[in-house]
N, C-alpha and C. Protein backbone atom coordinates (compact mmCIF):
# COMPACT_ATOMS: atom_id res chain seq x y z
N UNK A 1 101.11 79.66 124.82
CA UNK A 1 101.25 79.66 123.12
C UNK A 1 101.96 81.01 122.64
N UNK A 2 102.43 80.54 121.72
CA UNK A 2 102.99 81.67 121.07
C UNK A 2 102.18 82.41 119.68
N UNK A 3 102.84 83.51 119.71
CA UNK A 3 102.44 84.44 118.36
C UNK A 3 103.61 83.64 117.11
N UNK A 4 102.87 83.00 116.28
CA UNK A 4 103.42 82.32 115.23
C UNK A 4 103.54 83.21 114.10
N UNK A 5 104.58 82.99 113.22
CA UNK A 5 104.40 84.32 112.24
C UNK A 5 105.21 82.88 111.38
N UNK A 6 104.27 83.38 109.92
CA UNK A 6 104.59 82.74 108.38
C UNK A 6 105.51 83.44 107.57
N UNK A 7 106.98 83.26 106.55
CA UNK A 7 106.76 84.24 105.73
C UNK A 7 107.53 83.20 104.31
N UNK A 8 107.05 84.30 103.25
CA UNK A 8 107.06 83.55 102.14
C UNK A 8 107.64 85.01 101.45
N UNK A 9 108.00 84.66 99.63
CA UNK A 9 108.02 85.58 99.25
C UNK A 9 106.97 85.13 97.87
N UNK A 10 106.63 86.58 97.61
CA UNK A 10 105.29 86.71 96.53
C UNK A 10 104.03 86.24 97.36
N UNK A 11 103.03 86.41 97.12
CA UNK A 11 101.66 86.40 97.26
C UNK A 11 101.14 85.79 96.87
N UNK A 12 100.15 85.01 97.11
CA UNK A 12 98.67 84.10 96.60
C UNK A 12 99.13 82.69 96.68
N UNK A 13 98.73 81.44 96.32
CA UNK A 13 98.74 80.26 96.26
C UNK A 13 100.16 80.06 95.44
N UNK A 14 100.78 80.54 94.69
CA UNK A 14 101.79 79.90 94.25
C UNK A 14 103.28 80.71 95.05
N UNK A 15 103.03 81.40 96.19
CA UNK A 15 104.01 82.08 97.26
C UNK A 15 104.85 80.86 97.44
N UNK A 16 106.27 80.94 97.92
CA UNK A 16 107.36 80.19 98.29
C UNK A 16 107.26 80.32 99.70
N UNK A 17 107.01 79.96 100.56
CA UNK A 17 107.15 79.29 101.85
C UNK A 17 108.88 79.53 102.64
N UNK A 18 109.05 80.41 102.92
CA UNK A 18 110.44 79.94 102.94
C UNK A 18 110.98 80.21 105.07
N UNK A 19 109.64 79.94 105.63
CA UNK A 19 109.55 79.85 107.27
C UNK A 19 108.77 80.24 108.22
N UNK A 20 108.94 79.97 109.05
CA UNK A 20 107.99 80.55 110.30
C UNK A 20 108.85 80.53 111.83
N UNK A 21 107.80 81.07 112.92
CA UNK A 21 108.68 81.42 113.97
C UNK A 21 107.42 80.42 114.76
N UNK A 22 107.71 80.16 116.07
CA UNK A 22 106.66 80.51 116.80
C UNK A 22 106.64 81.02 117.91
N UNK A 23 107.60 81.67 117.90
CA UNK A 23 106.90 82.98 119.58
C UNK A 23 107.26 84.58 118.85
N UNK A 24 106.44 85.65 119.03
CA UNK A 24 106.74 86.94 118.86
C UNK A 24 106.67 87.31 117.46
N UNK A 25 105.80 86.44 116.87
CA UNK A 25 105.56 87.13 115.24
C UNK A 25 105.05 88.25 115.16
N UNK A 26 104.80 89.13 116.09
CA UNK A 26 104.06 90.11 115.70
C UNK A 26 104.96 91.24 115.24
N UNK A 27 104.83 91.85 114.63
CA UNK A 27 105.29 93.01 113.38
C UNK A 27 106.64 93.70 114.46
N UNK A 28 106.10 94.19 115.45
CA UNK A 28 106.90 94.58 116.71
C UNK A 28 108.09 93.71 117.55
N UNK A 29 107.59 92.22 116.75
CA UNK A 29 108.85 91.31 117.49
C UNK A 29 110.15 91.35 116.87
N UNK A 30 110.18 92.06 115.73
CA UNK A 30 111.78 91.51 114.61
C UNK A 30 112.28 92.72 114.92
N UNK A 31 113.32 92.67 113.99
CA UNK A 31 114.40 93.81 113.83
C UNK A 31 113.43 94.75 112.33
N UNK A 32 112.86 95.39 112.70
CA UNK A 32 112.37 95.62 111.20
C UNK A 32 113.40 95.89 110.13
N UNK A 33 114.38 96.53 110.61
CA UNK A 33 115.43 96.98 109.71
C UNK A 33 115.87 96.19 108.84
N UNK A 34 116.09 95.23 108.97
CA UNK A 34 116.52 93.98 108.16
C UNK A 34 115.41 92.88 107.67
N UNK A 35 114.45 92.78 108.38
CA UNK A 35 113.01 91.70 107.89
C UNK A 35 112.55 93.15 106.92
N UNK A 36 111.74 93.95 107.49
CA UNK A 36 110.57 94.63 107.16
C UNK A 36 110.75 96.00 105.96
N UNK A 37 112.24 96.43 106.17
CA UNK A 37 112.35 97.35 105.38
C UNK A 37 113.26 97.20 103.79
N UNK A 38 113.45 95.71 103.50
CA UNK A 38 114.14 94.65 102.41
C UNK A 38 112.90 95.32 101.13
N UNK A 39 114.21 95.65 100.11
CA UNK A 39 113.45 96.56 99.45
C UNK A 39 113.93 95.74 98.10
N UNK A 40 114.55 94.02 98.31
CA UNK A 40 114.97 93.27 97.47
C UNK A 40 114.62 91.95 97.80
N UNK A 41 114.76 91.07 97.14
CA UNK A 41 113.79 89.75 97.35
C UNK A 41 114.86 88.90 97.91
N UNK A 42 116.29 89.12 97.55
CA UNK A 42 117.28 88.69 97.83
C UNK A 42 117.78 89.27 100.00
N UNK A 43 117.30 90.33 100.20
CA UNK A 43 117.80 91.11 101.53
C UNK A 43 116.66 90.39 102.38
N UNK A 44 115.45 90.40 102.05
CA UNK A 44 114.26 89.74 102.66
C UNK A 44 114.26 88.23 103.16
N UNK A 45 115.35 87.87 101.68
CA UNK A 45 115.43 86.14 102.20
C UNK A 45 117.00 85.89 103.30
N UNK A 46 117.26 86.79 102.92
CA UNK A 46 118.77 87.12 103.96
C UNK A 46 118.08 87.49 105.44
N UNK A 47 117.63 88.15 105.50
CA UNK A 47 116.88 88.92 106.62
C UNK A 47 115.92 87.73 107.21
N UNK A 48 114.76 86.74 106.83
CA UNK A 48 114.68 85.64 107.19
C UNK A 48 115.28 85.04 107.79
N UNK A 49 116.43 84.20 106.68
CA UNK A 49 117.65 83.32 107.31
C UNK A 49 118.15 83.49 108.36
N UNK A 50 118.16 85.15 108.39
CA UNK A 50 119.42 85.05 109.64
C UNK A 50 118.22 85.31 110.93
N UNK A 51 117.03 85.77 111.12
CA UNK A 51 116.10 85.93 112.14
C UNK A 51 115.78 84.39 112.86
N UNK A 52 115.52 83.43 111.77
CA UNK A 52 115.26 81.89 112.16
C UNK A 52 116.76 81.57 112.47
N UNK A 53 117.72 81.67 112.19
CA UNK A 53 119.09 80.97 112.78
C UNK A 53 119.07 81.42 114.10
N UNK A 54 118.67 82.73 114.55
CA UNK A 54 119.24 83.26 115.55
C UNK A 54 118.28 82.61 117.06
N UNK A 55 117.14 82.17 116.46
CA UNK A 55 116.24 81.70 117.32
C UNK A 55 116.38 80.02 117.43
N UNK A 56 115.94 80.20 118.62
CA UNK A 56 115.08 78.24 119.14
C UNK A 56 113.68 77.71 118.19
N UNK A 57 112.49 78.71 118.15
CA UNK A 57 111.46 78.83 117.82
C UNK A 57 111.62 78.82 116.16
N UNK A 58 112.45 78.87 115.11
CA UNK A 58 112.37 79.06 113.88
C UNK A 58 112.60 77.94 113.22
N UNK A 59 111.36 77.80 112.35
CA UNK A 59 111.45 76.56 111.29
C UNK A 59 111.92 76.92 109.66
N UNK A 60 112.85 76.41 108.99
CA UNK A 60 112.87 76.10 107.52
C UNK A 60 112.39 75.12 106.61
N UNK A 61 112.29 75.66 105.74
CA UNK A 61 111.43 74.57 105.03
C UNK A 61 112.02 73.15 104.83
N UNK A 62 113.56 72.97 105.20
CA UNK A 62 114.21 71.83 105.56
C UNK A 62 113.55 71.04 106.67
N UNK A 63 112.99 71.88 107.68
CA UNK A 63 112.26 71.24 108.75
C UNK A 63 110.82 70.97 108.19
N UNK A 64 110.11 70.78 107.35
CA UNK A 64 109.02 70.77 107.17
C UNK A 64 107.75 71.97 107.85
N UNK A 65 106.78 72.08 107.38
CA UNK A 65 105.67 72.51 108.12
C UNK A 65 105.88 72.84 109.34
N UNK A 66 105.77 73.32 109.85
CA UNK A 66 105.60 73.17 111.50
C UNK A 66 104.40 72.99 111.97
N UNK A 67 103.55 73.94 111.51
CA UNK A 67 101.60 73.72 112.34
C UNK A 67 100.55 72.42 111.91
N UNK A 68 99.66 72.71 112.48
CA UNK A 68 99.06 71.04 112.28
C UNK A 68 97.82 71.43 111.37
N UNK A 69 98.07 72.94 110.51
CA UNK A 69 97.23 73.08 110.06
C UNK A 69 97.76 73.23 108.56
N UNK A 70 96.70 73.34 107.58
CA UNK A 70 97.50 73.25 106.40
C UNK A 70 97.67 74.67 105.60
N UNK A 71 97.40 75.89 105.63
CA UNK A 71 98.36 76.87 104.86
C UNK A 71 98.30 78.37 106.71
N UNK A 72 98.57 78.90 105.98
CA UNK A 72 98.38 80.19 106.67
C UNK A 72 97.44 80.99 107.40
N UNK A 73 96.53 80.37 106.78
CA UNK A 73 95.16 81.32 107.40
C UNK A 73 95.30 80.99 108.97
N UNK A 74 95.27 80.56 109.53
CA UNK A 74 95.49 80.15 110.55
C UNK A 74 96.31 80.56 111.67
N UNK A 75 97.49 81.04 110.74
CA UNK A 75 98.90 81.28 111.45
C UNK A 75 98.27 82.72 112.38
N UNK A 76 99.11 83.36 113.31
CA UNK A 76 98.76 84.62 114.18
C UNK A 76 98.93 85.91 112.89
N UNK A 77 100.28 85.98 112.31
CA UNK A 77 100.91 86.68 111.48
C UNK A 77 101.19 86.11 110.26
N UNK A 78 101.25 86.57 109.11
CA UNK A 78 102.04 86.27 108.27
C UNK A 78 103.35 87.58 107.16
N UNK A 79 104.22 87.33 106.29
CA UNK A 79 104.74 88.33 105.78
C UNK A 79 105.33 87.87 104.72
N UNK A 80 105.50 88.72 103.71
CA UNK A 80 105.18 88.50 101.66
C UNK A 80 105.99 89.22 101.39
N UNK A 81 106.90 88.93 100.57
CA UNK A 81 108.03 90.34 99.84
C UNK A 81 107.34 90.18 98.70
N UNK A 82 106.77 90.89 98.10
CA UNK A 82 106.28 90.87 96.92
C UNK A 82 105.78 92.79 96.45
N UNK A 83 106.67 92.89 95.05
CA UNK A 83 106.91 93.61 94.36
C UNK A 83 107.64 95.22 94.80
N UNK A 84 108.63 94.98 95.52
CA UNK A 84 109.48 95.76 96.62
C UNK A 84 109.17 96.34 98.07
N UNK A 85 108.25 95.38 98.32
CA UNK A 85 108.10 95.77 100.05
C UNK A 85 107.52 94.55 100.18
N UNK A 86 107.45 94.59 102.10
CA UNK A 86 106.76 93.55 102.78
C UNK A 86 105.69 94.14 103.25
N UNK A 87 105.06 92.92 103.34
CA UNK A 87 103.45 92.87 103.52
C UNK A 87 103.37 92.01 104.81
N UNK A 88 102.58 92.81 105.43
CA UNK A 88 101.96 91.09 106.46
C UNK A 88 100.28 90.82 106.59
N UNK A 89 100.13 90.23 106.63
CA UNK A 89 99.10 89.82 107.06
C UNK A 89 98.15 89.46 108.29
N UNK A 90 97.14 90.01 108.94
CA UNK A 90 96.26 89.40 110.47
C UNK A 90 95.24 90.17 109.69
N UNK A 91 93.93 89.17 110.58
CA UNK A 91 92.58 89.36 110.48
C UNK A 91 92.35 89.18 109.14
N UNK A 92 92.79 88.65 107.72
CA UNK A 92 92.46 88.12 106.26
C UNK A 92 92.54 89.53 105.85
N UNK A 93 93.58 90.06 105.66
CA UNK A 93 93.82 91.52 105.00
C UNK A 93 95.23 91.68 105.24
N UNK A 94 96.02 92.35 104.27
CA UNK A 94 97.65 92.84 104.09
C UNK A 94 97.61 94.35 104.43
N UNK A 95 98.92 94.45 105.19
CA UNK A 95 98.88 95.41 105.94
C UNK A 95 100.77 96.18 105.46
N UNK A 96 101.02 97.40 104.98
CA UNK A 96 102.72 97.25 105.61
C UNK A 96 103.56 97.29 106.12
N UNK A 97 104.40 95.98 106.30
CA UNK A 97 104.85 95.32 107.64
C UNK A 97 105.68 96.43 108.51
N UNK A 98 106.23 97.13 107.41
CA UNK A 98 106.87 98.26 108.34
C UNK A 98 106.62 99.26 108.91
N UNK A 99 105.79 100.10 107.84
CA UNK A 99 104.87 100.65 108.80
C UNK A 99 104.11 100.06 110.24
N UNK A 100 103.43 98.80 110.48
CA UNK A 100 103.37 98.59 111.64
C UNK A 100 104.29 97.87 112.65
N UNK A 101 105.07 97.76 111.91
CA UNK A 101 106.58 97.74 112.86
C UNK A 101 107.06 98.75 113.45
N UNK A 102 106.67 99.79 112.99
CA UNK A 102 107.05 101.19 113.51
C UNK A 102 105.48 101.31 114.58
N UNK A 103 104.70 100.86 115.09
CA UNK A 103 103.62 101.42 116.13
C UNK A 103 102.18 101.54 115.15
N UNK A 104 102.14 101.13 113.97
CA UNK A 104 101.06 102.02 112.96
C UNK A 104 100.46 100.94 112.73
N UNK A 105 99.21 101.04 111.90
CA UNK A 105 97.66 100.26 112.15
C UNK A 105 97.97 98.74 111.12
N UNK A 106 97.58 97.93 112.13
CA UNK A 106 98.03 96.57 111.34
C UNK A 106 96.44 96.44 110.31
N UNK A 107 95.00 97.25 111.15
CA UNK A 107 94.03 97.17 110.31
C UNK A 107 93.79 97.87 108.69
N UNK A 108 94.56 98.47 108.91
CA UNK A 108 94.36 99.15 107.38
C UNK A 108 95.12 98.19 106.37
N UNK A 109 94.61 98.53 105.14
CA UNK A 109 94.37 97.17 104.45
C UNK A 109 95.79 97.77 103.50
N UNK A 110 97.07 97.47 103.33
CA UNK A 110 98.01 97.70 101.98
C UNK A 110 97.20 97.72 100.66
N UNK A 111 96.46 96.65 100.55
CA UNK A 111 95.94 97.05 98.68
C UNK A 111 94.91 95.73 99.32
N UNK A 112 94.22 95.09 97.95
CA UNK A 112 93.09 94.41 97.64
C UNK A 112 93.69 93.39 97.23
N UNK A 113 94.74 92.46 97.21
CA UNK A 113 94.91 91.81 96.77
C UNK A 113 94.67 90.25 97.63
N UNK A 114 93.87 89.20 97.26
CA UNK A 114 92.99 88.48 98.43
C UNK A 114 94.32 88.14 99.10
N UNK A 115 94.13 87.29 100.62
CA UNK A 115 94.67 87.12 101.08
C UNK A 115 94.52 85.28 100.64
N UNK A 116 95.47 84.82 100.38
CA UNK A 116 95.32 83.19 99.85
C UNK A 116 97.17 82.31 100.10
N UNK A 117 96.44 81.44 100.56
CA UNK A 117 98.15 80.55 100.79
C UNK A 117 98.07 79.48 100.51
N UNK A 118 99.46 78.57 99.27
CA UNK A 118 100.07 77.30 99.19
C UNK A 118 99.23 76.61 100.44
N UNK A 119 98.26 75.65 99.83
CA UNK A 119 98.59 73.97 100.59
C UNK A 119 100.24 73.48 101.02
N UNK A 120 100.07 73.26 102.12
CA UNK A 120 101.16 73.19 102.90
C UNK A 120 101.10 71.30 103.32
N UNK A 121 99.95 71.11 103.59
CA UNK A 121 100.15 69.73 104.12
C UNK A 121 100.98 68.45 103.41
N UNK A 122 101.12 68.27 102.47
CA UNK A 122 102.72 67.28 101.87
C UNK A 122 103.92 68.20 102.81
N UNK A 123 103.60 68.81 103.51
CA UNK A 123 104.78 69.66 103.86
C UNK A 123 104.98 69.15 105.57
N UNK A 124 103.98 68.76 106.16
CA UNK A 124 103.68 68.81 107.49
C UNK A 124 104.75 68.01 108.17
N UNK A 125 105.24 68.64 108.76
CA UNK A 125 106.57 67.72 110.06
C UNK A 125 106.53 68.90 111.46
N UNK A 126 104.67 68.50 112.07
CA UNK A 126 104.25 69.19 113.22
C UNK A 126 105.17 68.16 114.51
N UNK A 127 105.63 69.34 115.33
CA UNK A 127 106.55 69.23 116.13
C UNK A 127 105.82 69.77 117.91
N UNK A 128 106.21 68.96 119.20
CA UNK A 128 105.95 69.90 120.04
C UNK A 128 106.96 70.38 121.11
N UNK A 129 108.20 70.47 120.18
CA UNK A 129 109.45 71.14 120.63
C UNK A 129 109.21 72.49 120.50
N UNK A 130 110.50 73.38 120.73
CA UNK A 130 110.45 74.48 120.76
C UNK A 130 109.71 75.41 119.30
N UNK A 131 110.03 74.42 118.49
CA UNK A 131 108.93 75.19 117.30
C UNK A 131 107.73 74.99 117.16
N UNK A 132 107.21 75.03 118.27
CA UNK A 132 105.40 74.34 118.17
C UNK A 132 105.00 75.68 118.49
N UNK A 133 105.57 76.47 119.37
CA UNK A 133 104.91 77.54 120.52
C UNK A 133 104.24 76.73 121.23
N UNK A 134 103.94 75.71 121.37
CA UNK A 134 102.83 75.34 122.32
C UNK A 134 103.80 75.02 123.95
N UNK A 135 103.39 75.54 125.28
CA UNK A 135 103.55 75.20 126.73
C UNK A 135 102.82 74.28 127.18
N UNK A 136 103.79 73.16 127.53
CA UNK A 136 103.17 72.37 128.01
C UNK A 136 103.48 72.04 129.93
N UNK A 137 103.02 72.70 130.66
CA UNK A 137 102.59 72.45 132.21
C UNK A 137 102.54 70.96 132.64
N UNK A 138 103.17 70.78 133.49
CA UNK A 138 103.29 69.60 134.45
C UNK A 138 102.88 69.87 135.73
N UNK A 139 102.59 68.93 136.47
CA UNK A 139 102.54 69.02 137.64
C UNK A 139 102.93 67.91 138.61
C-alpha cells in the first residue's frame, strides 16, 4: 500500500481540502521547492495542482474524497498552507514541511495548533484504482 497524503489550505475543522495522493506522500517524496517552500496560498495551490496533475495517483476535489475513512486522521501525512508557510502532520502533531523535506525531524512540533480535520464523509468516492494506493496481487 502507498504512503498517502492530503493537502489543505488552512488548518482545523474549517480547512479546505484541495487534493490527495496515494503514493510517496512522505515529505521527501515531493518537489519541495514548489510545494513546501510556498509563501503564498496561490503558490501552494498551484504547486498542489501541478503535483496532482503529474501523477496517476492524484485526486482532486472534483474526483471526491478517495479514502474509506472520514478525515485525514488516518491518512499517513497531511500538508496545510497556513499563515504564510506549509505545515505537515504525522503522528498527531504539526511539523515544518520544508525542514522535514530537507531531512529534518517530523517529530518536532512546529506549534501547538490542534490537529483537527473537516469531515469528508459526504464527499467520499472510494476507488480501488491507481488513486487508492492499494496493491492487489492475483495468483
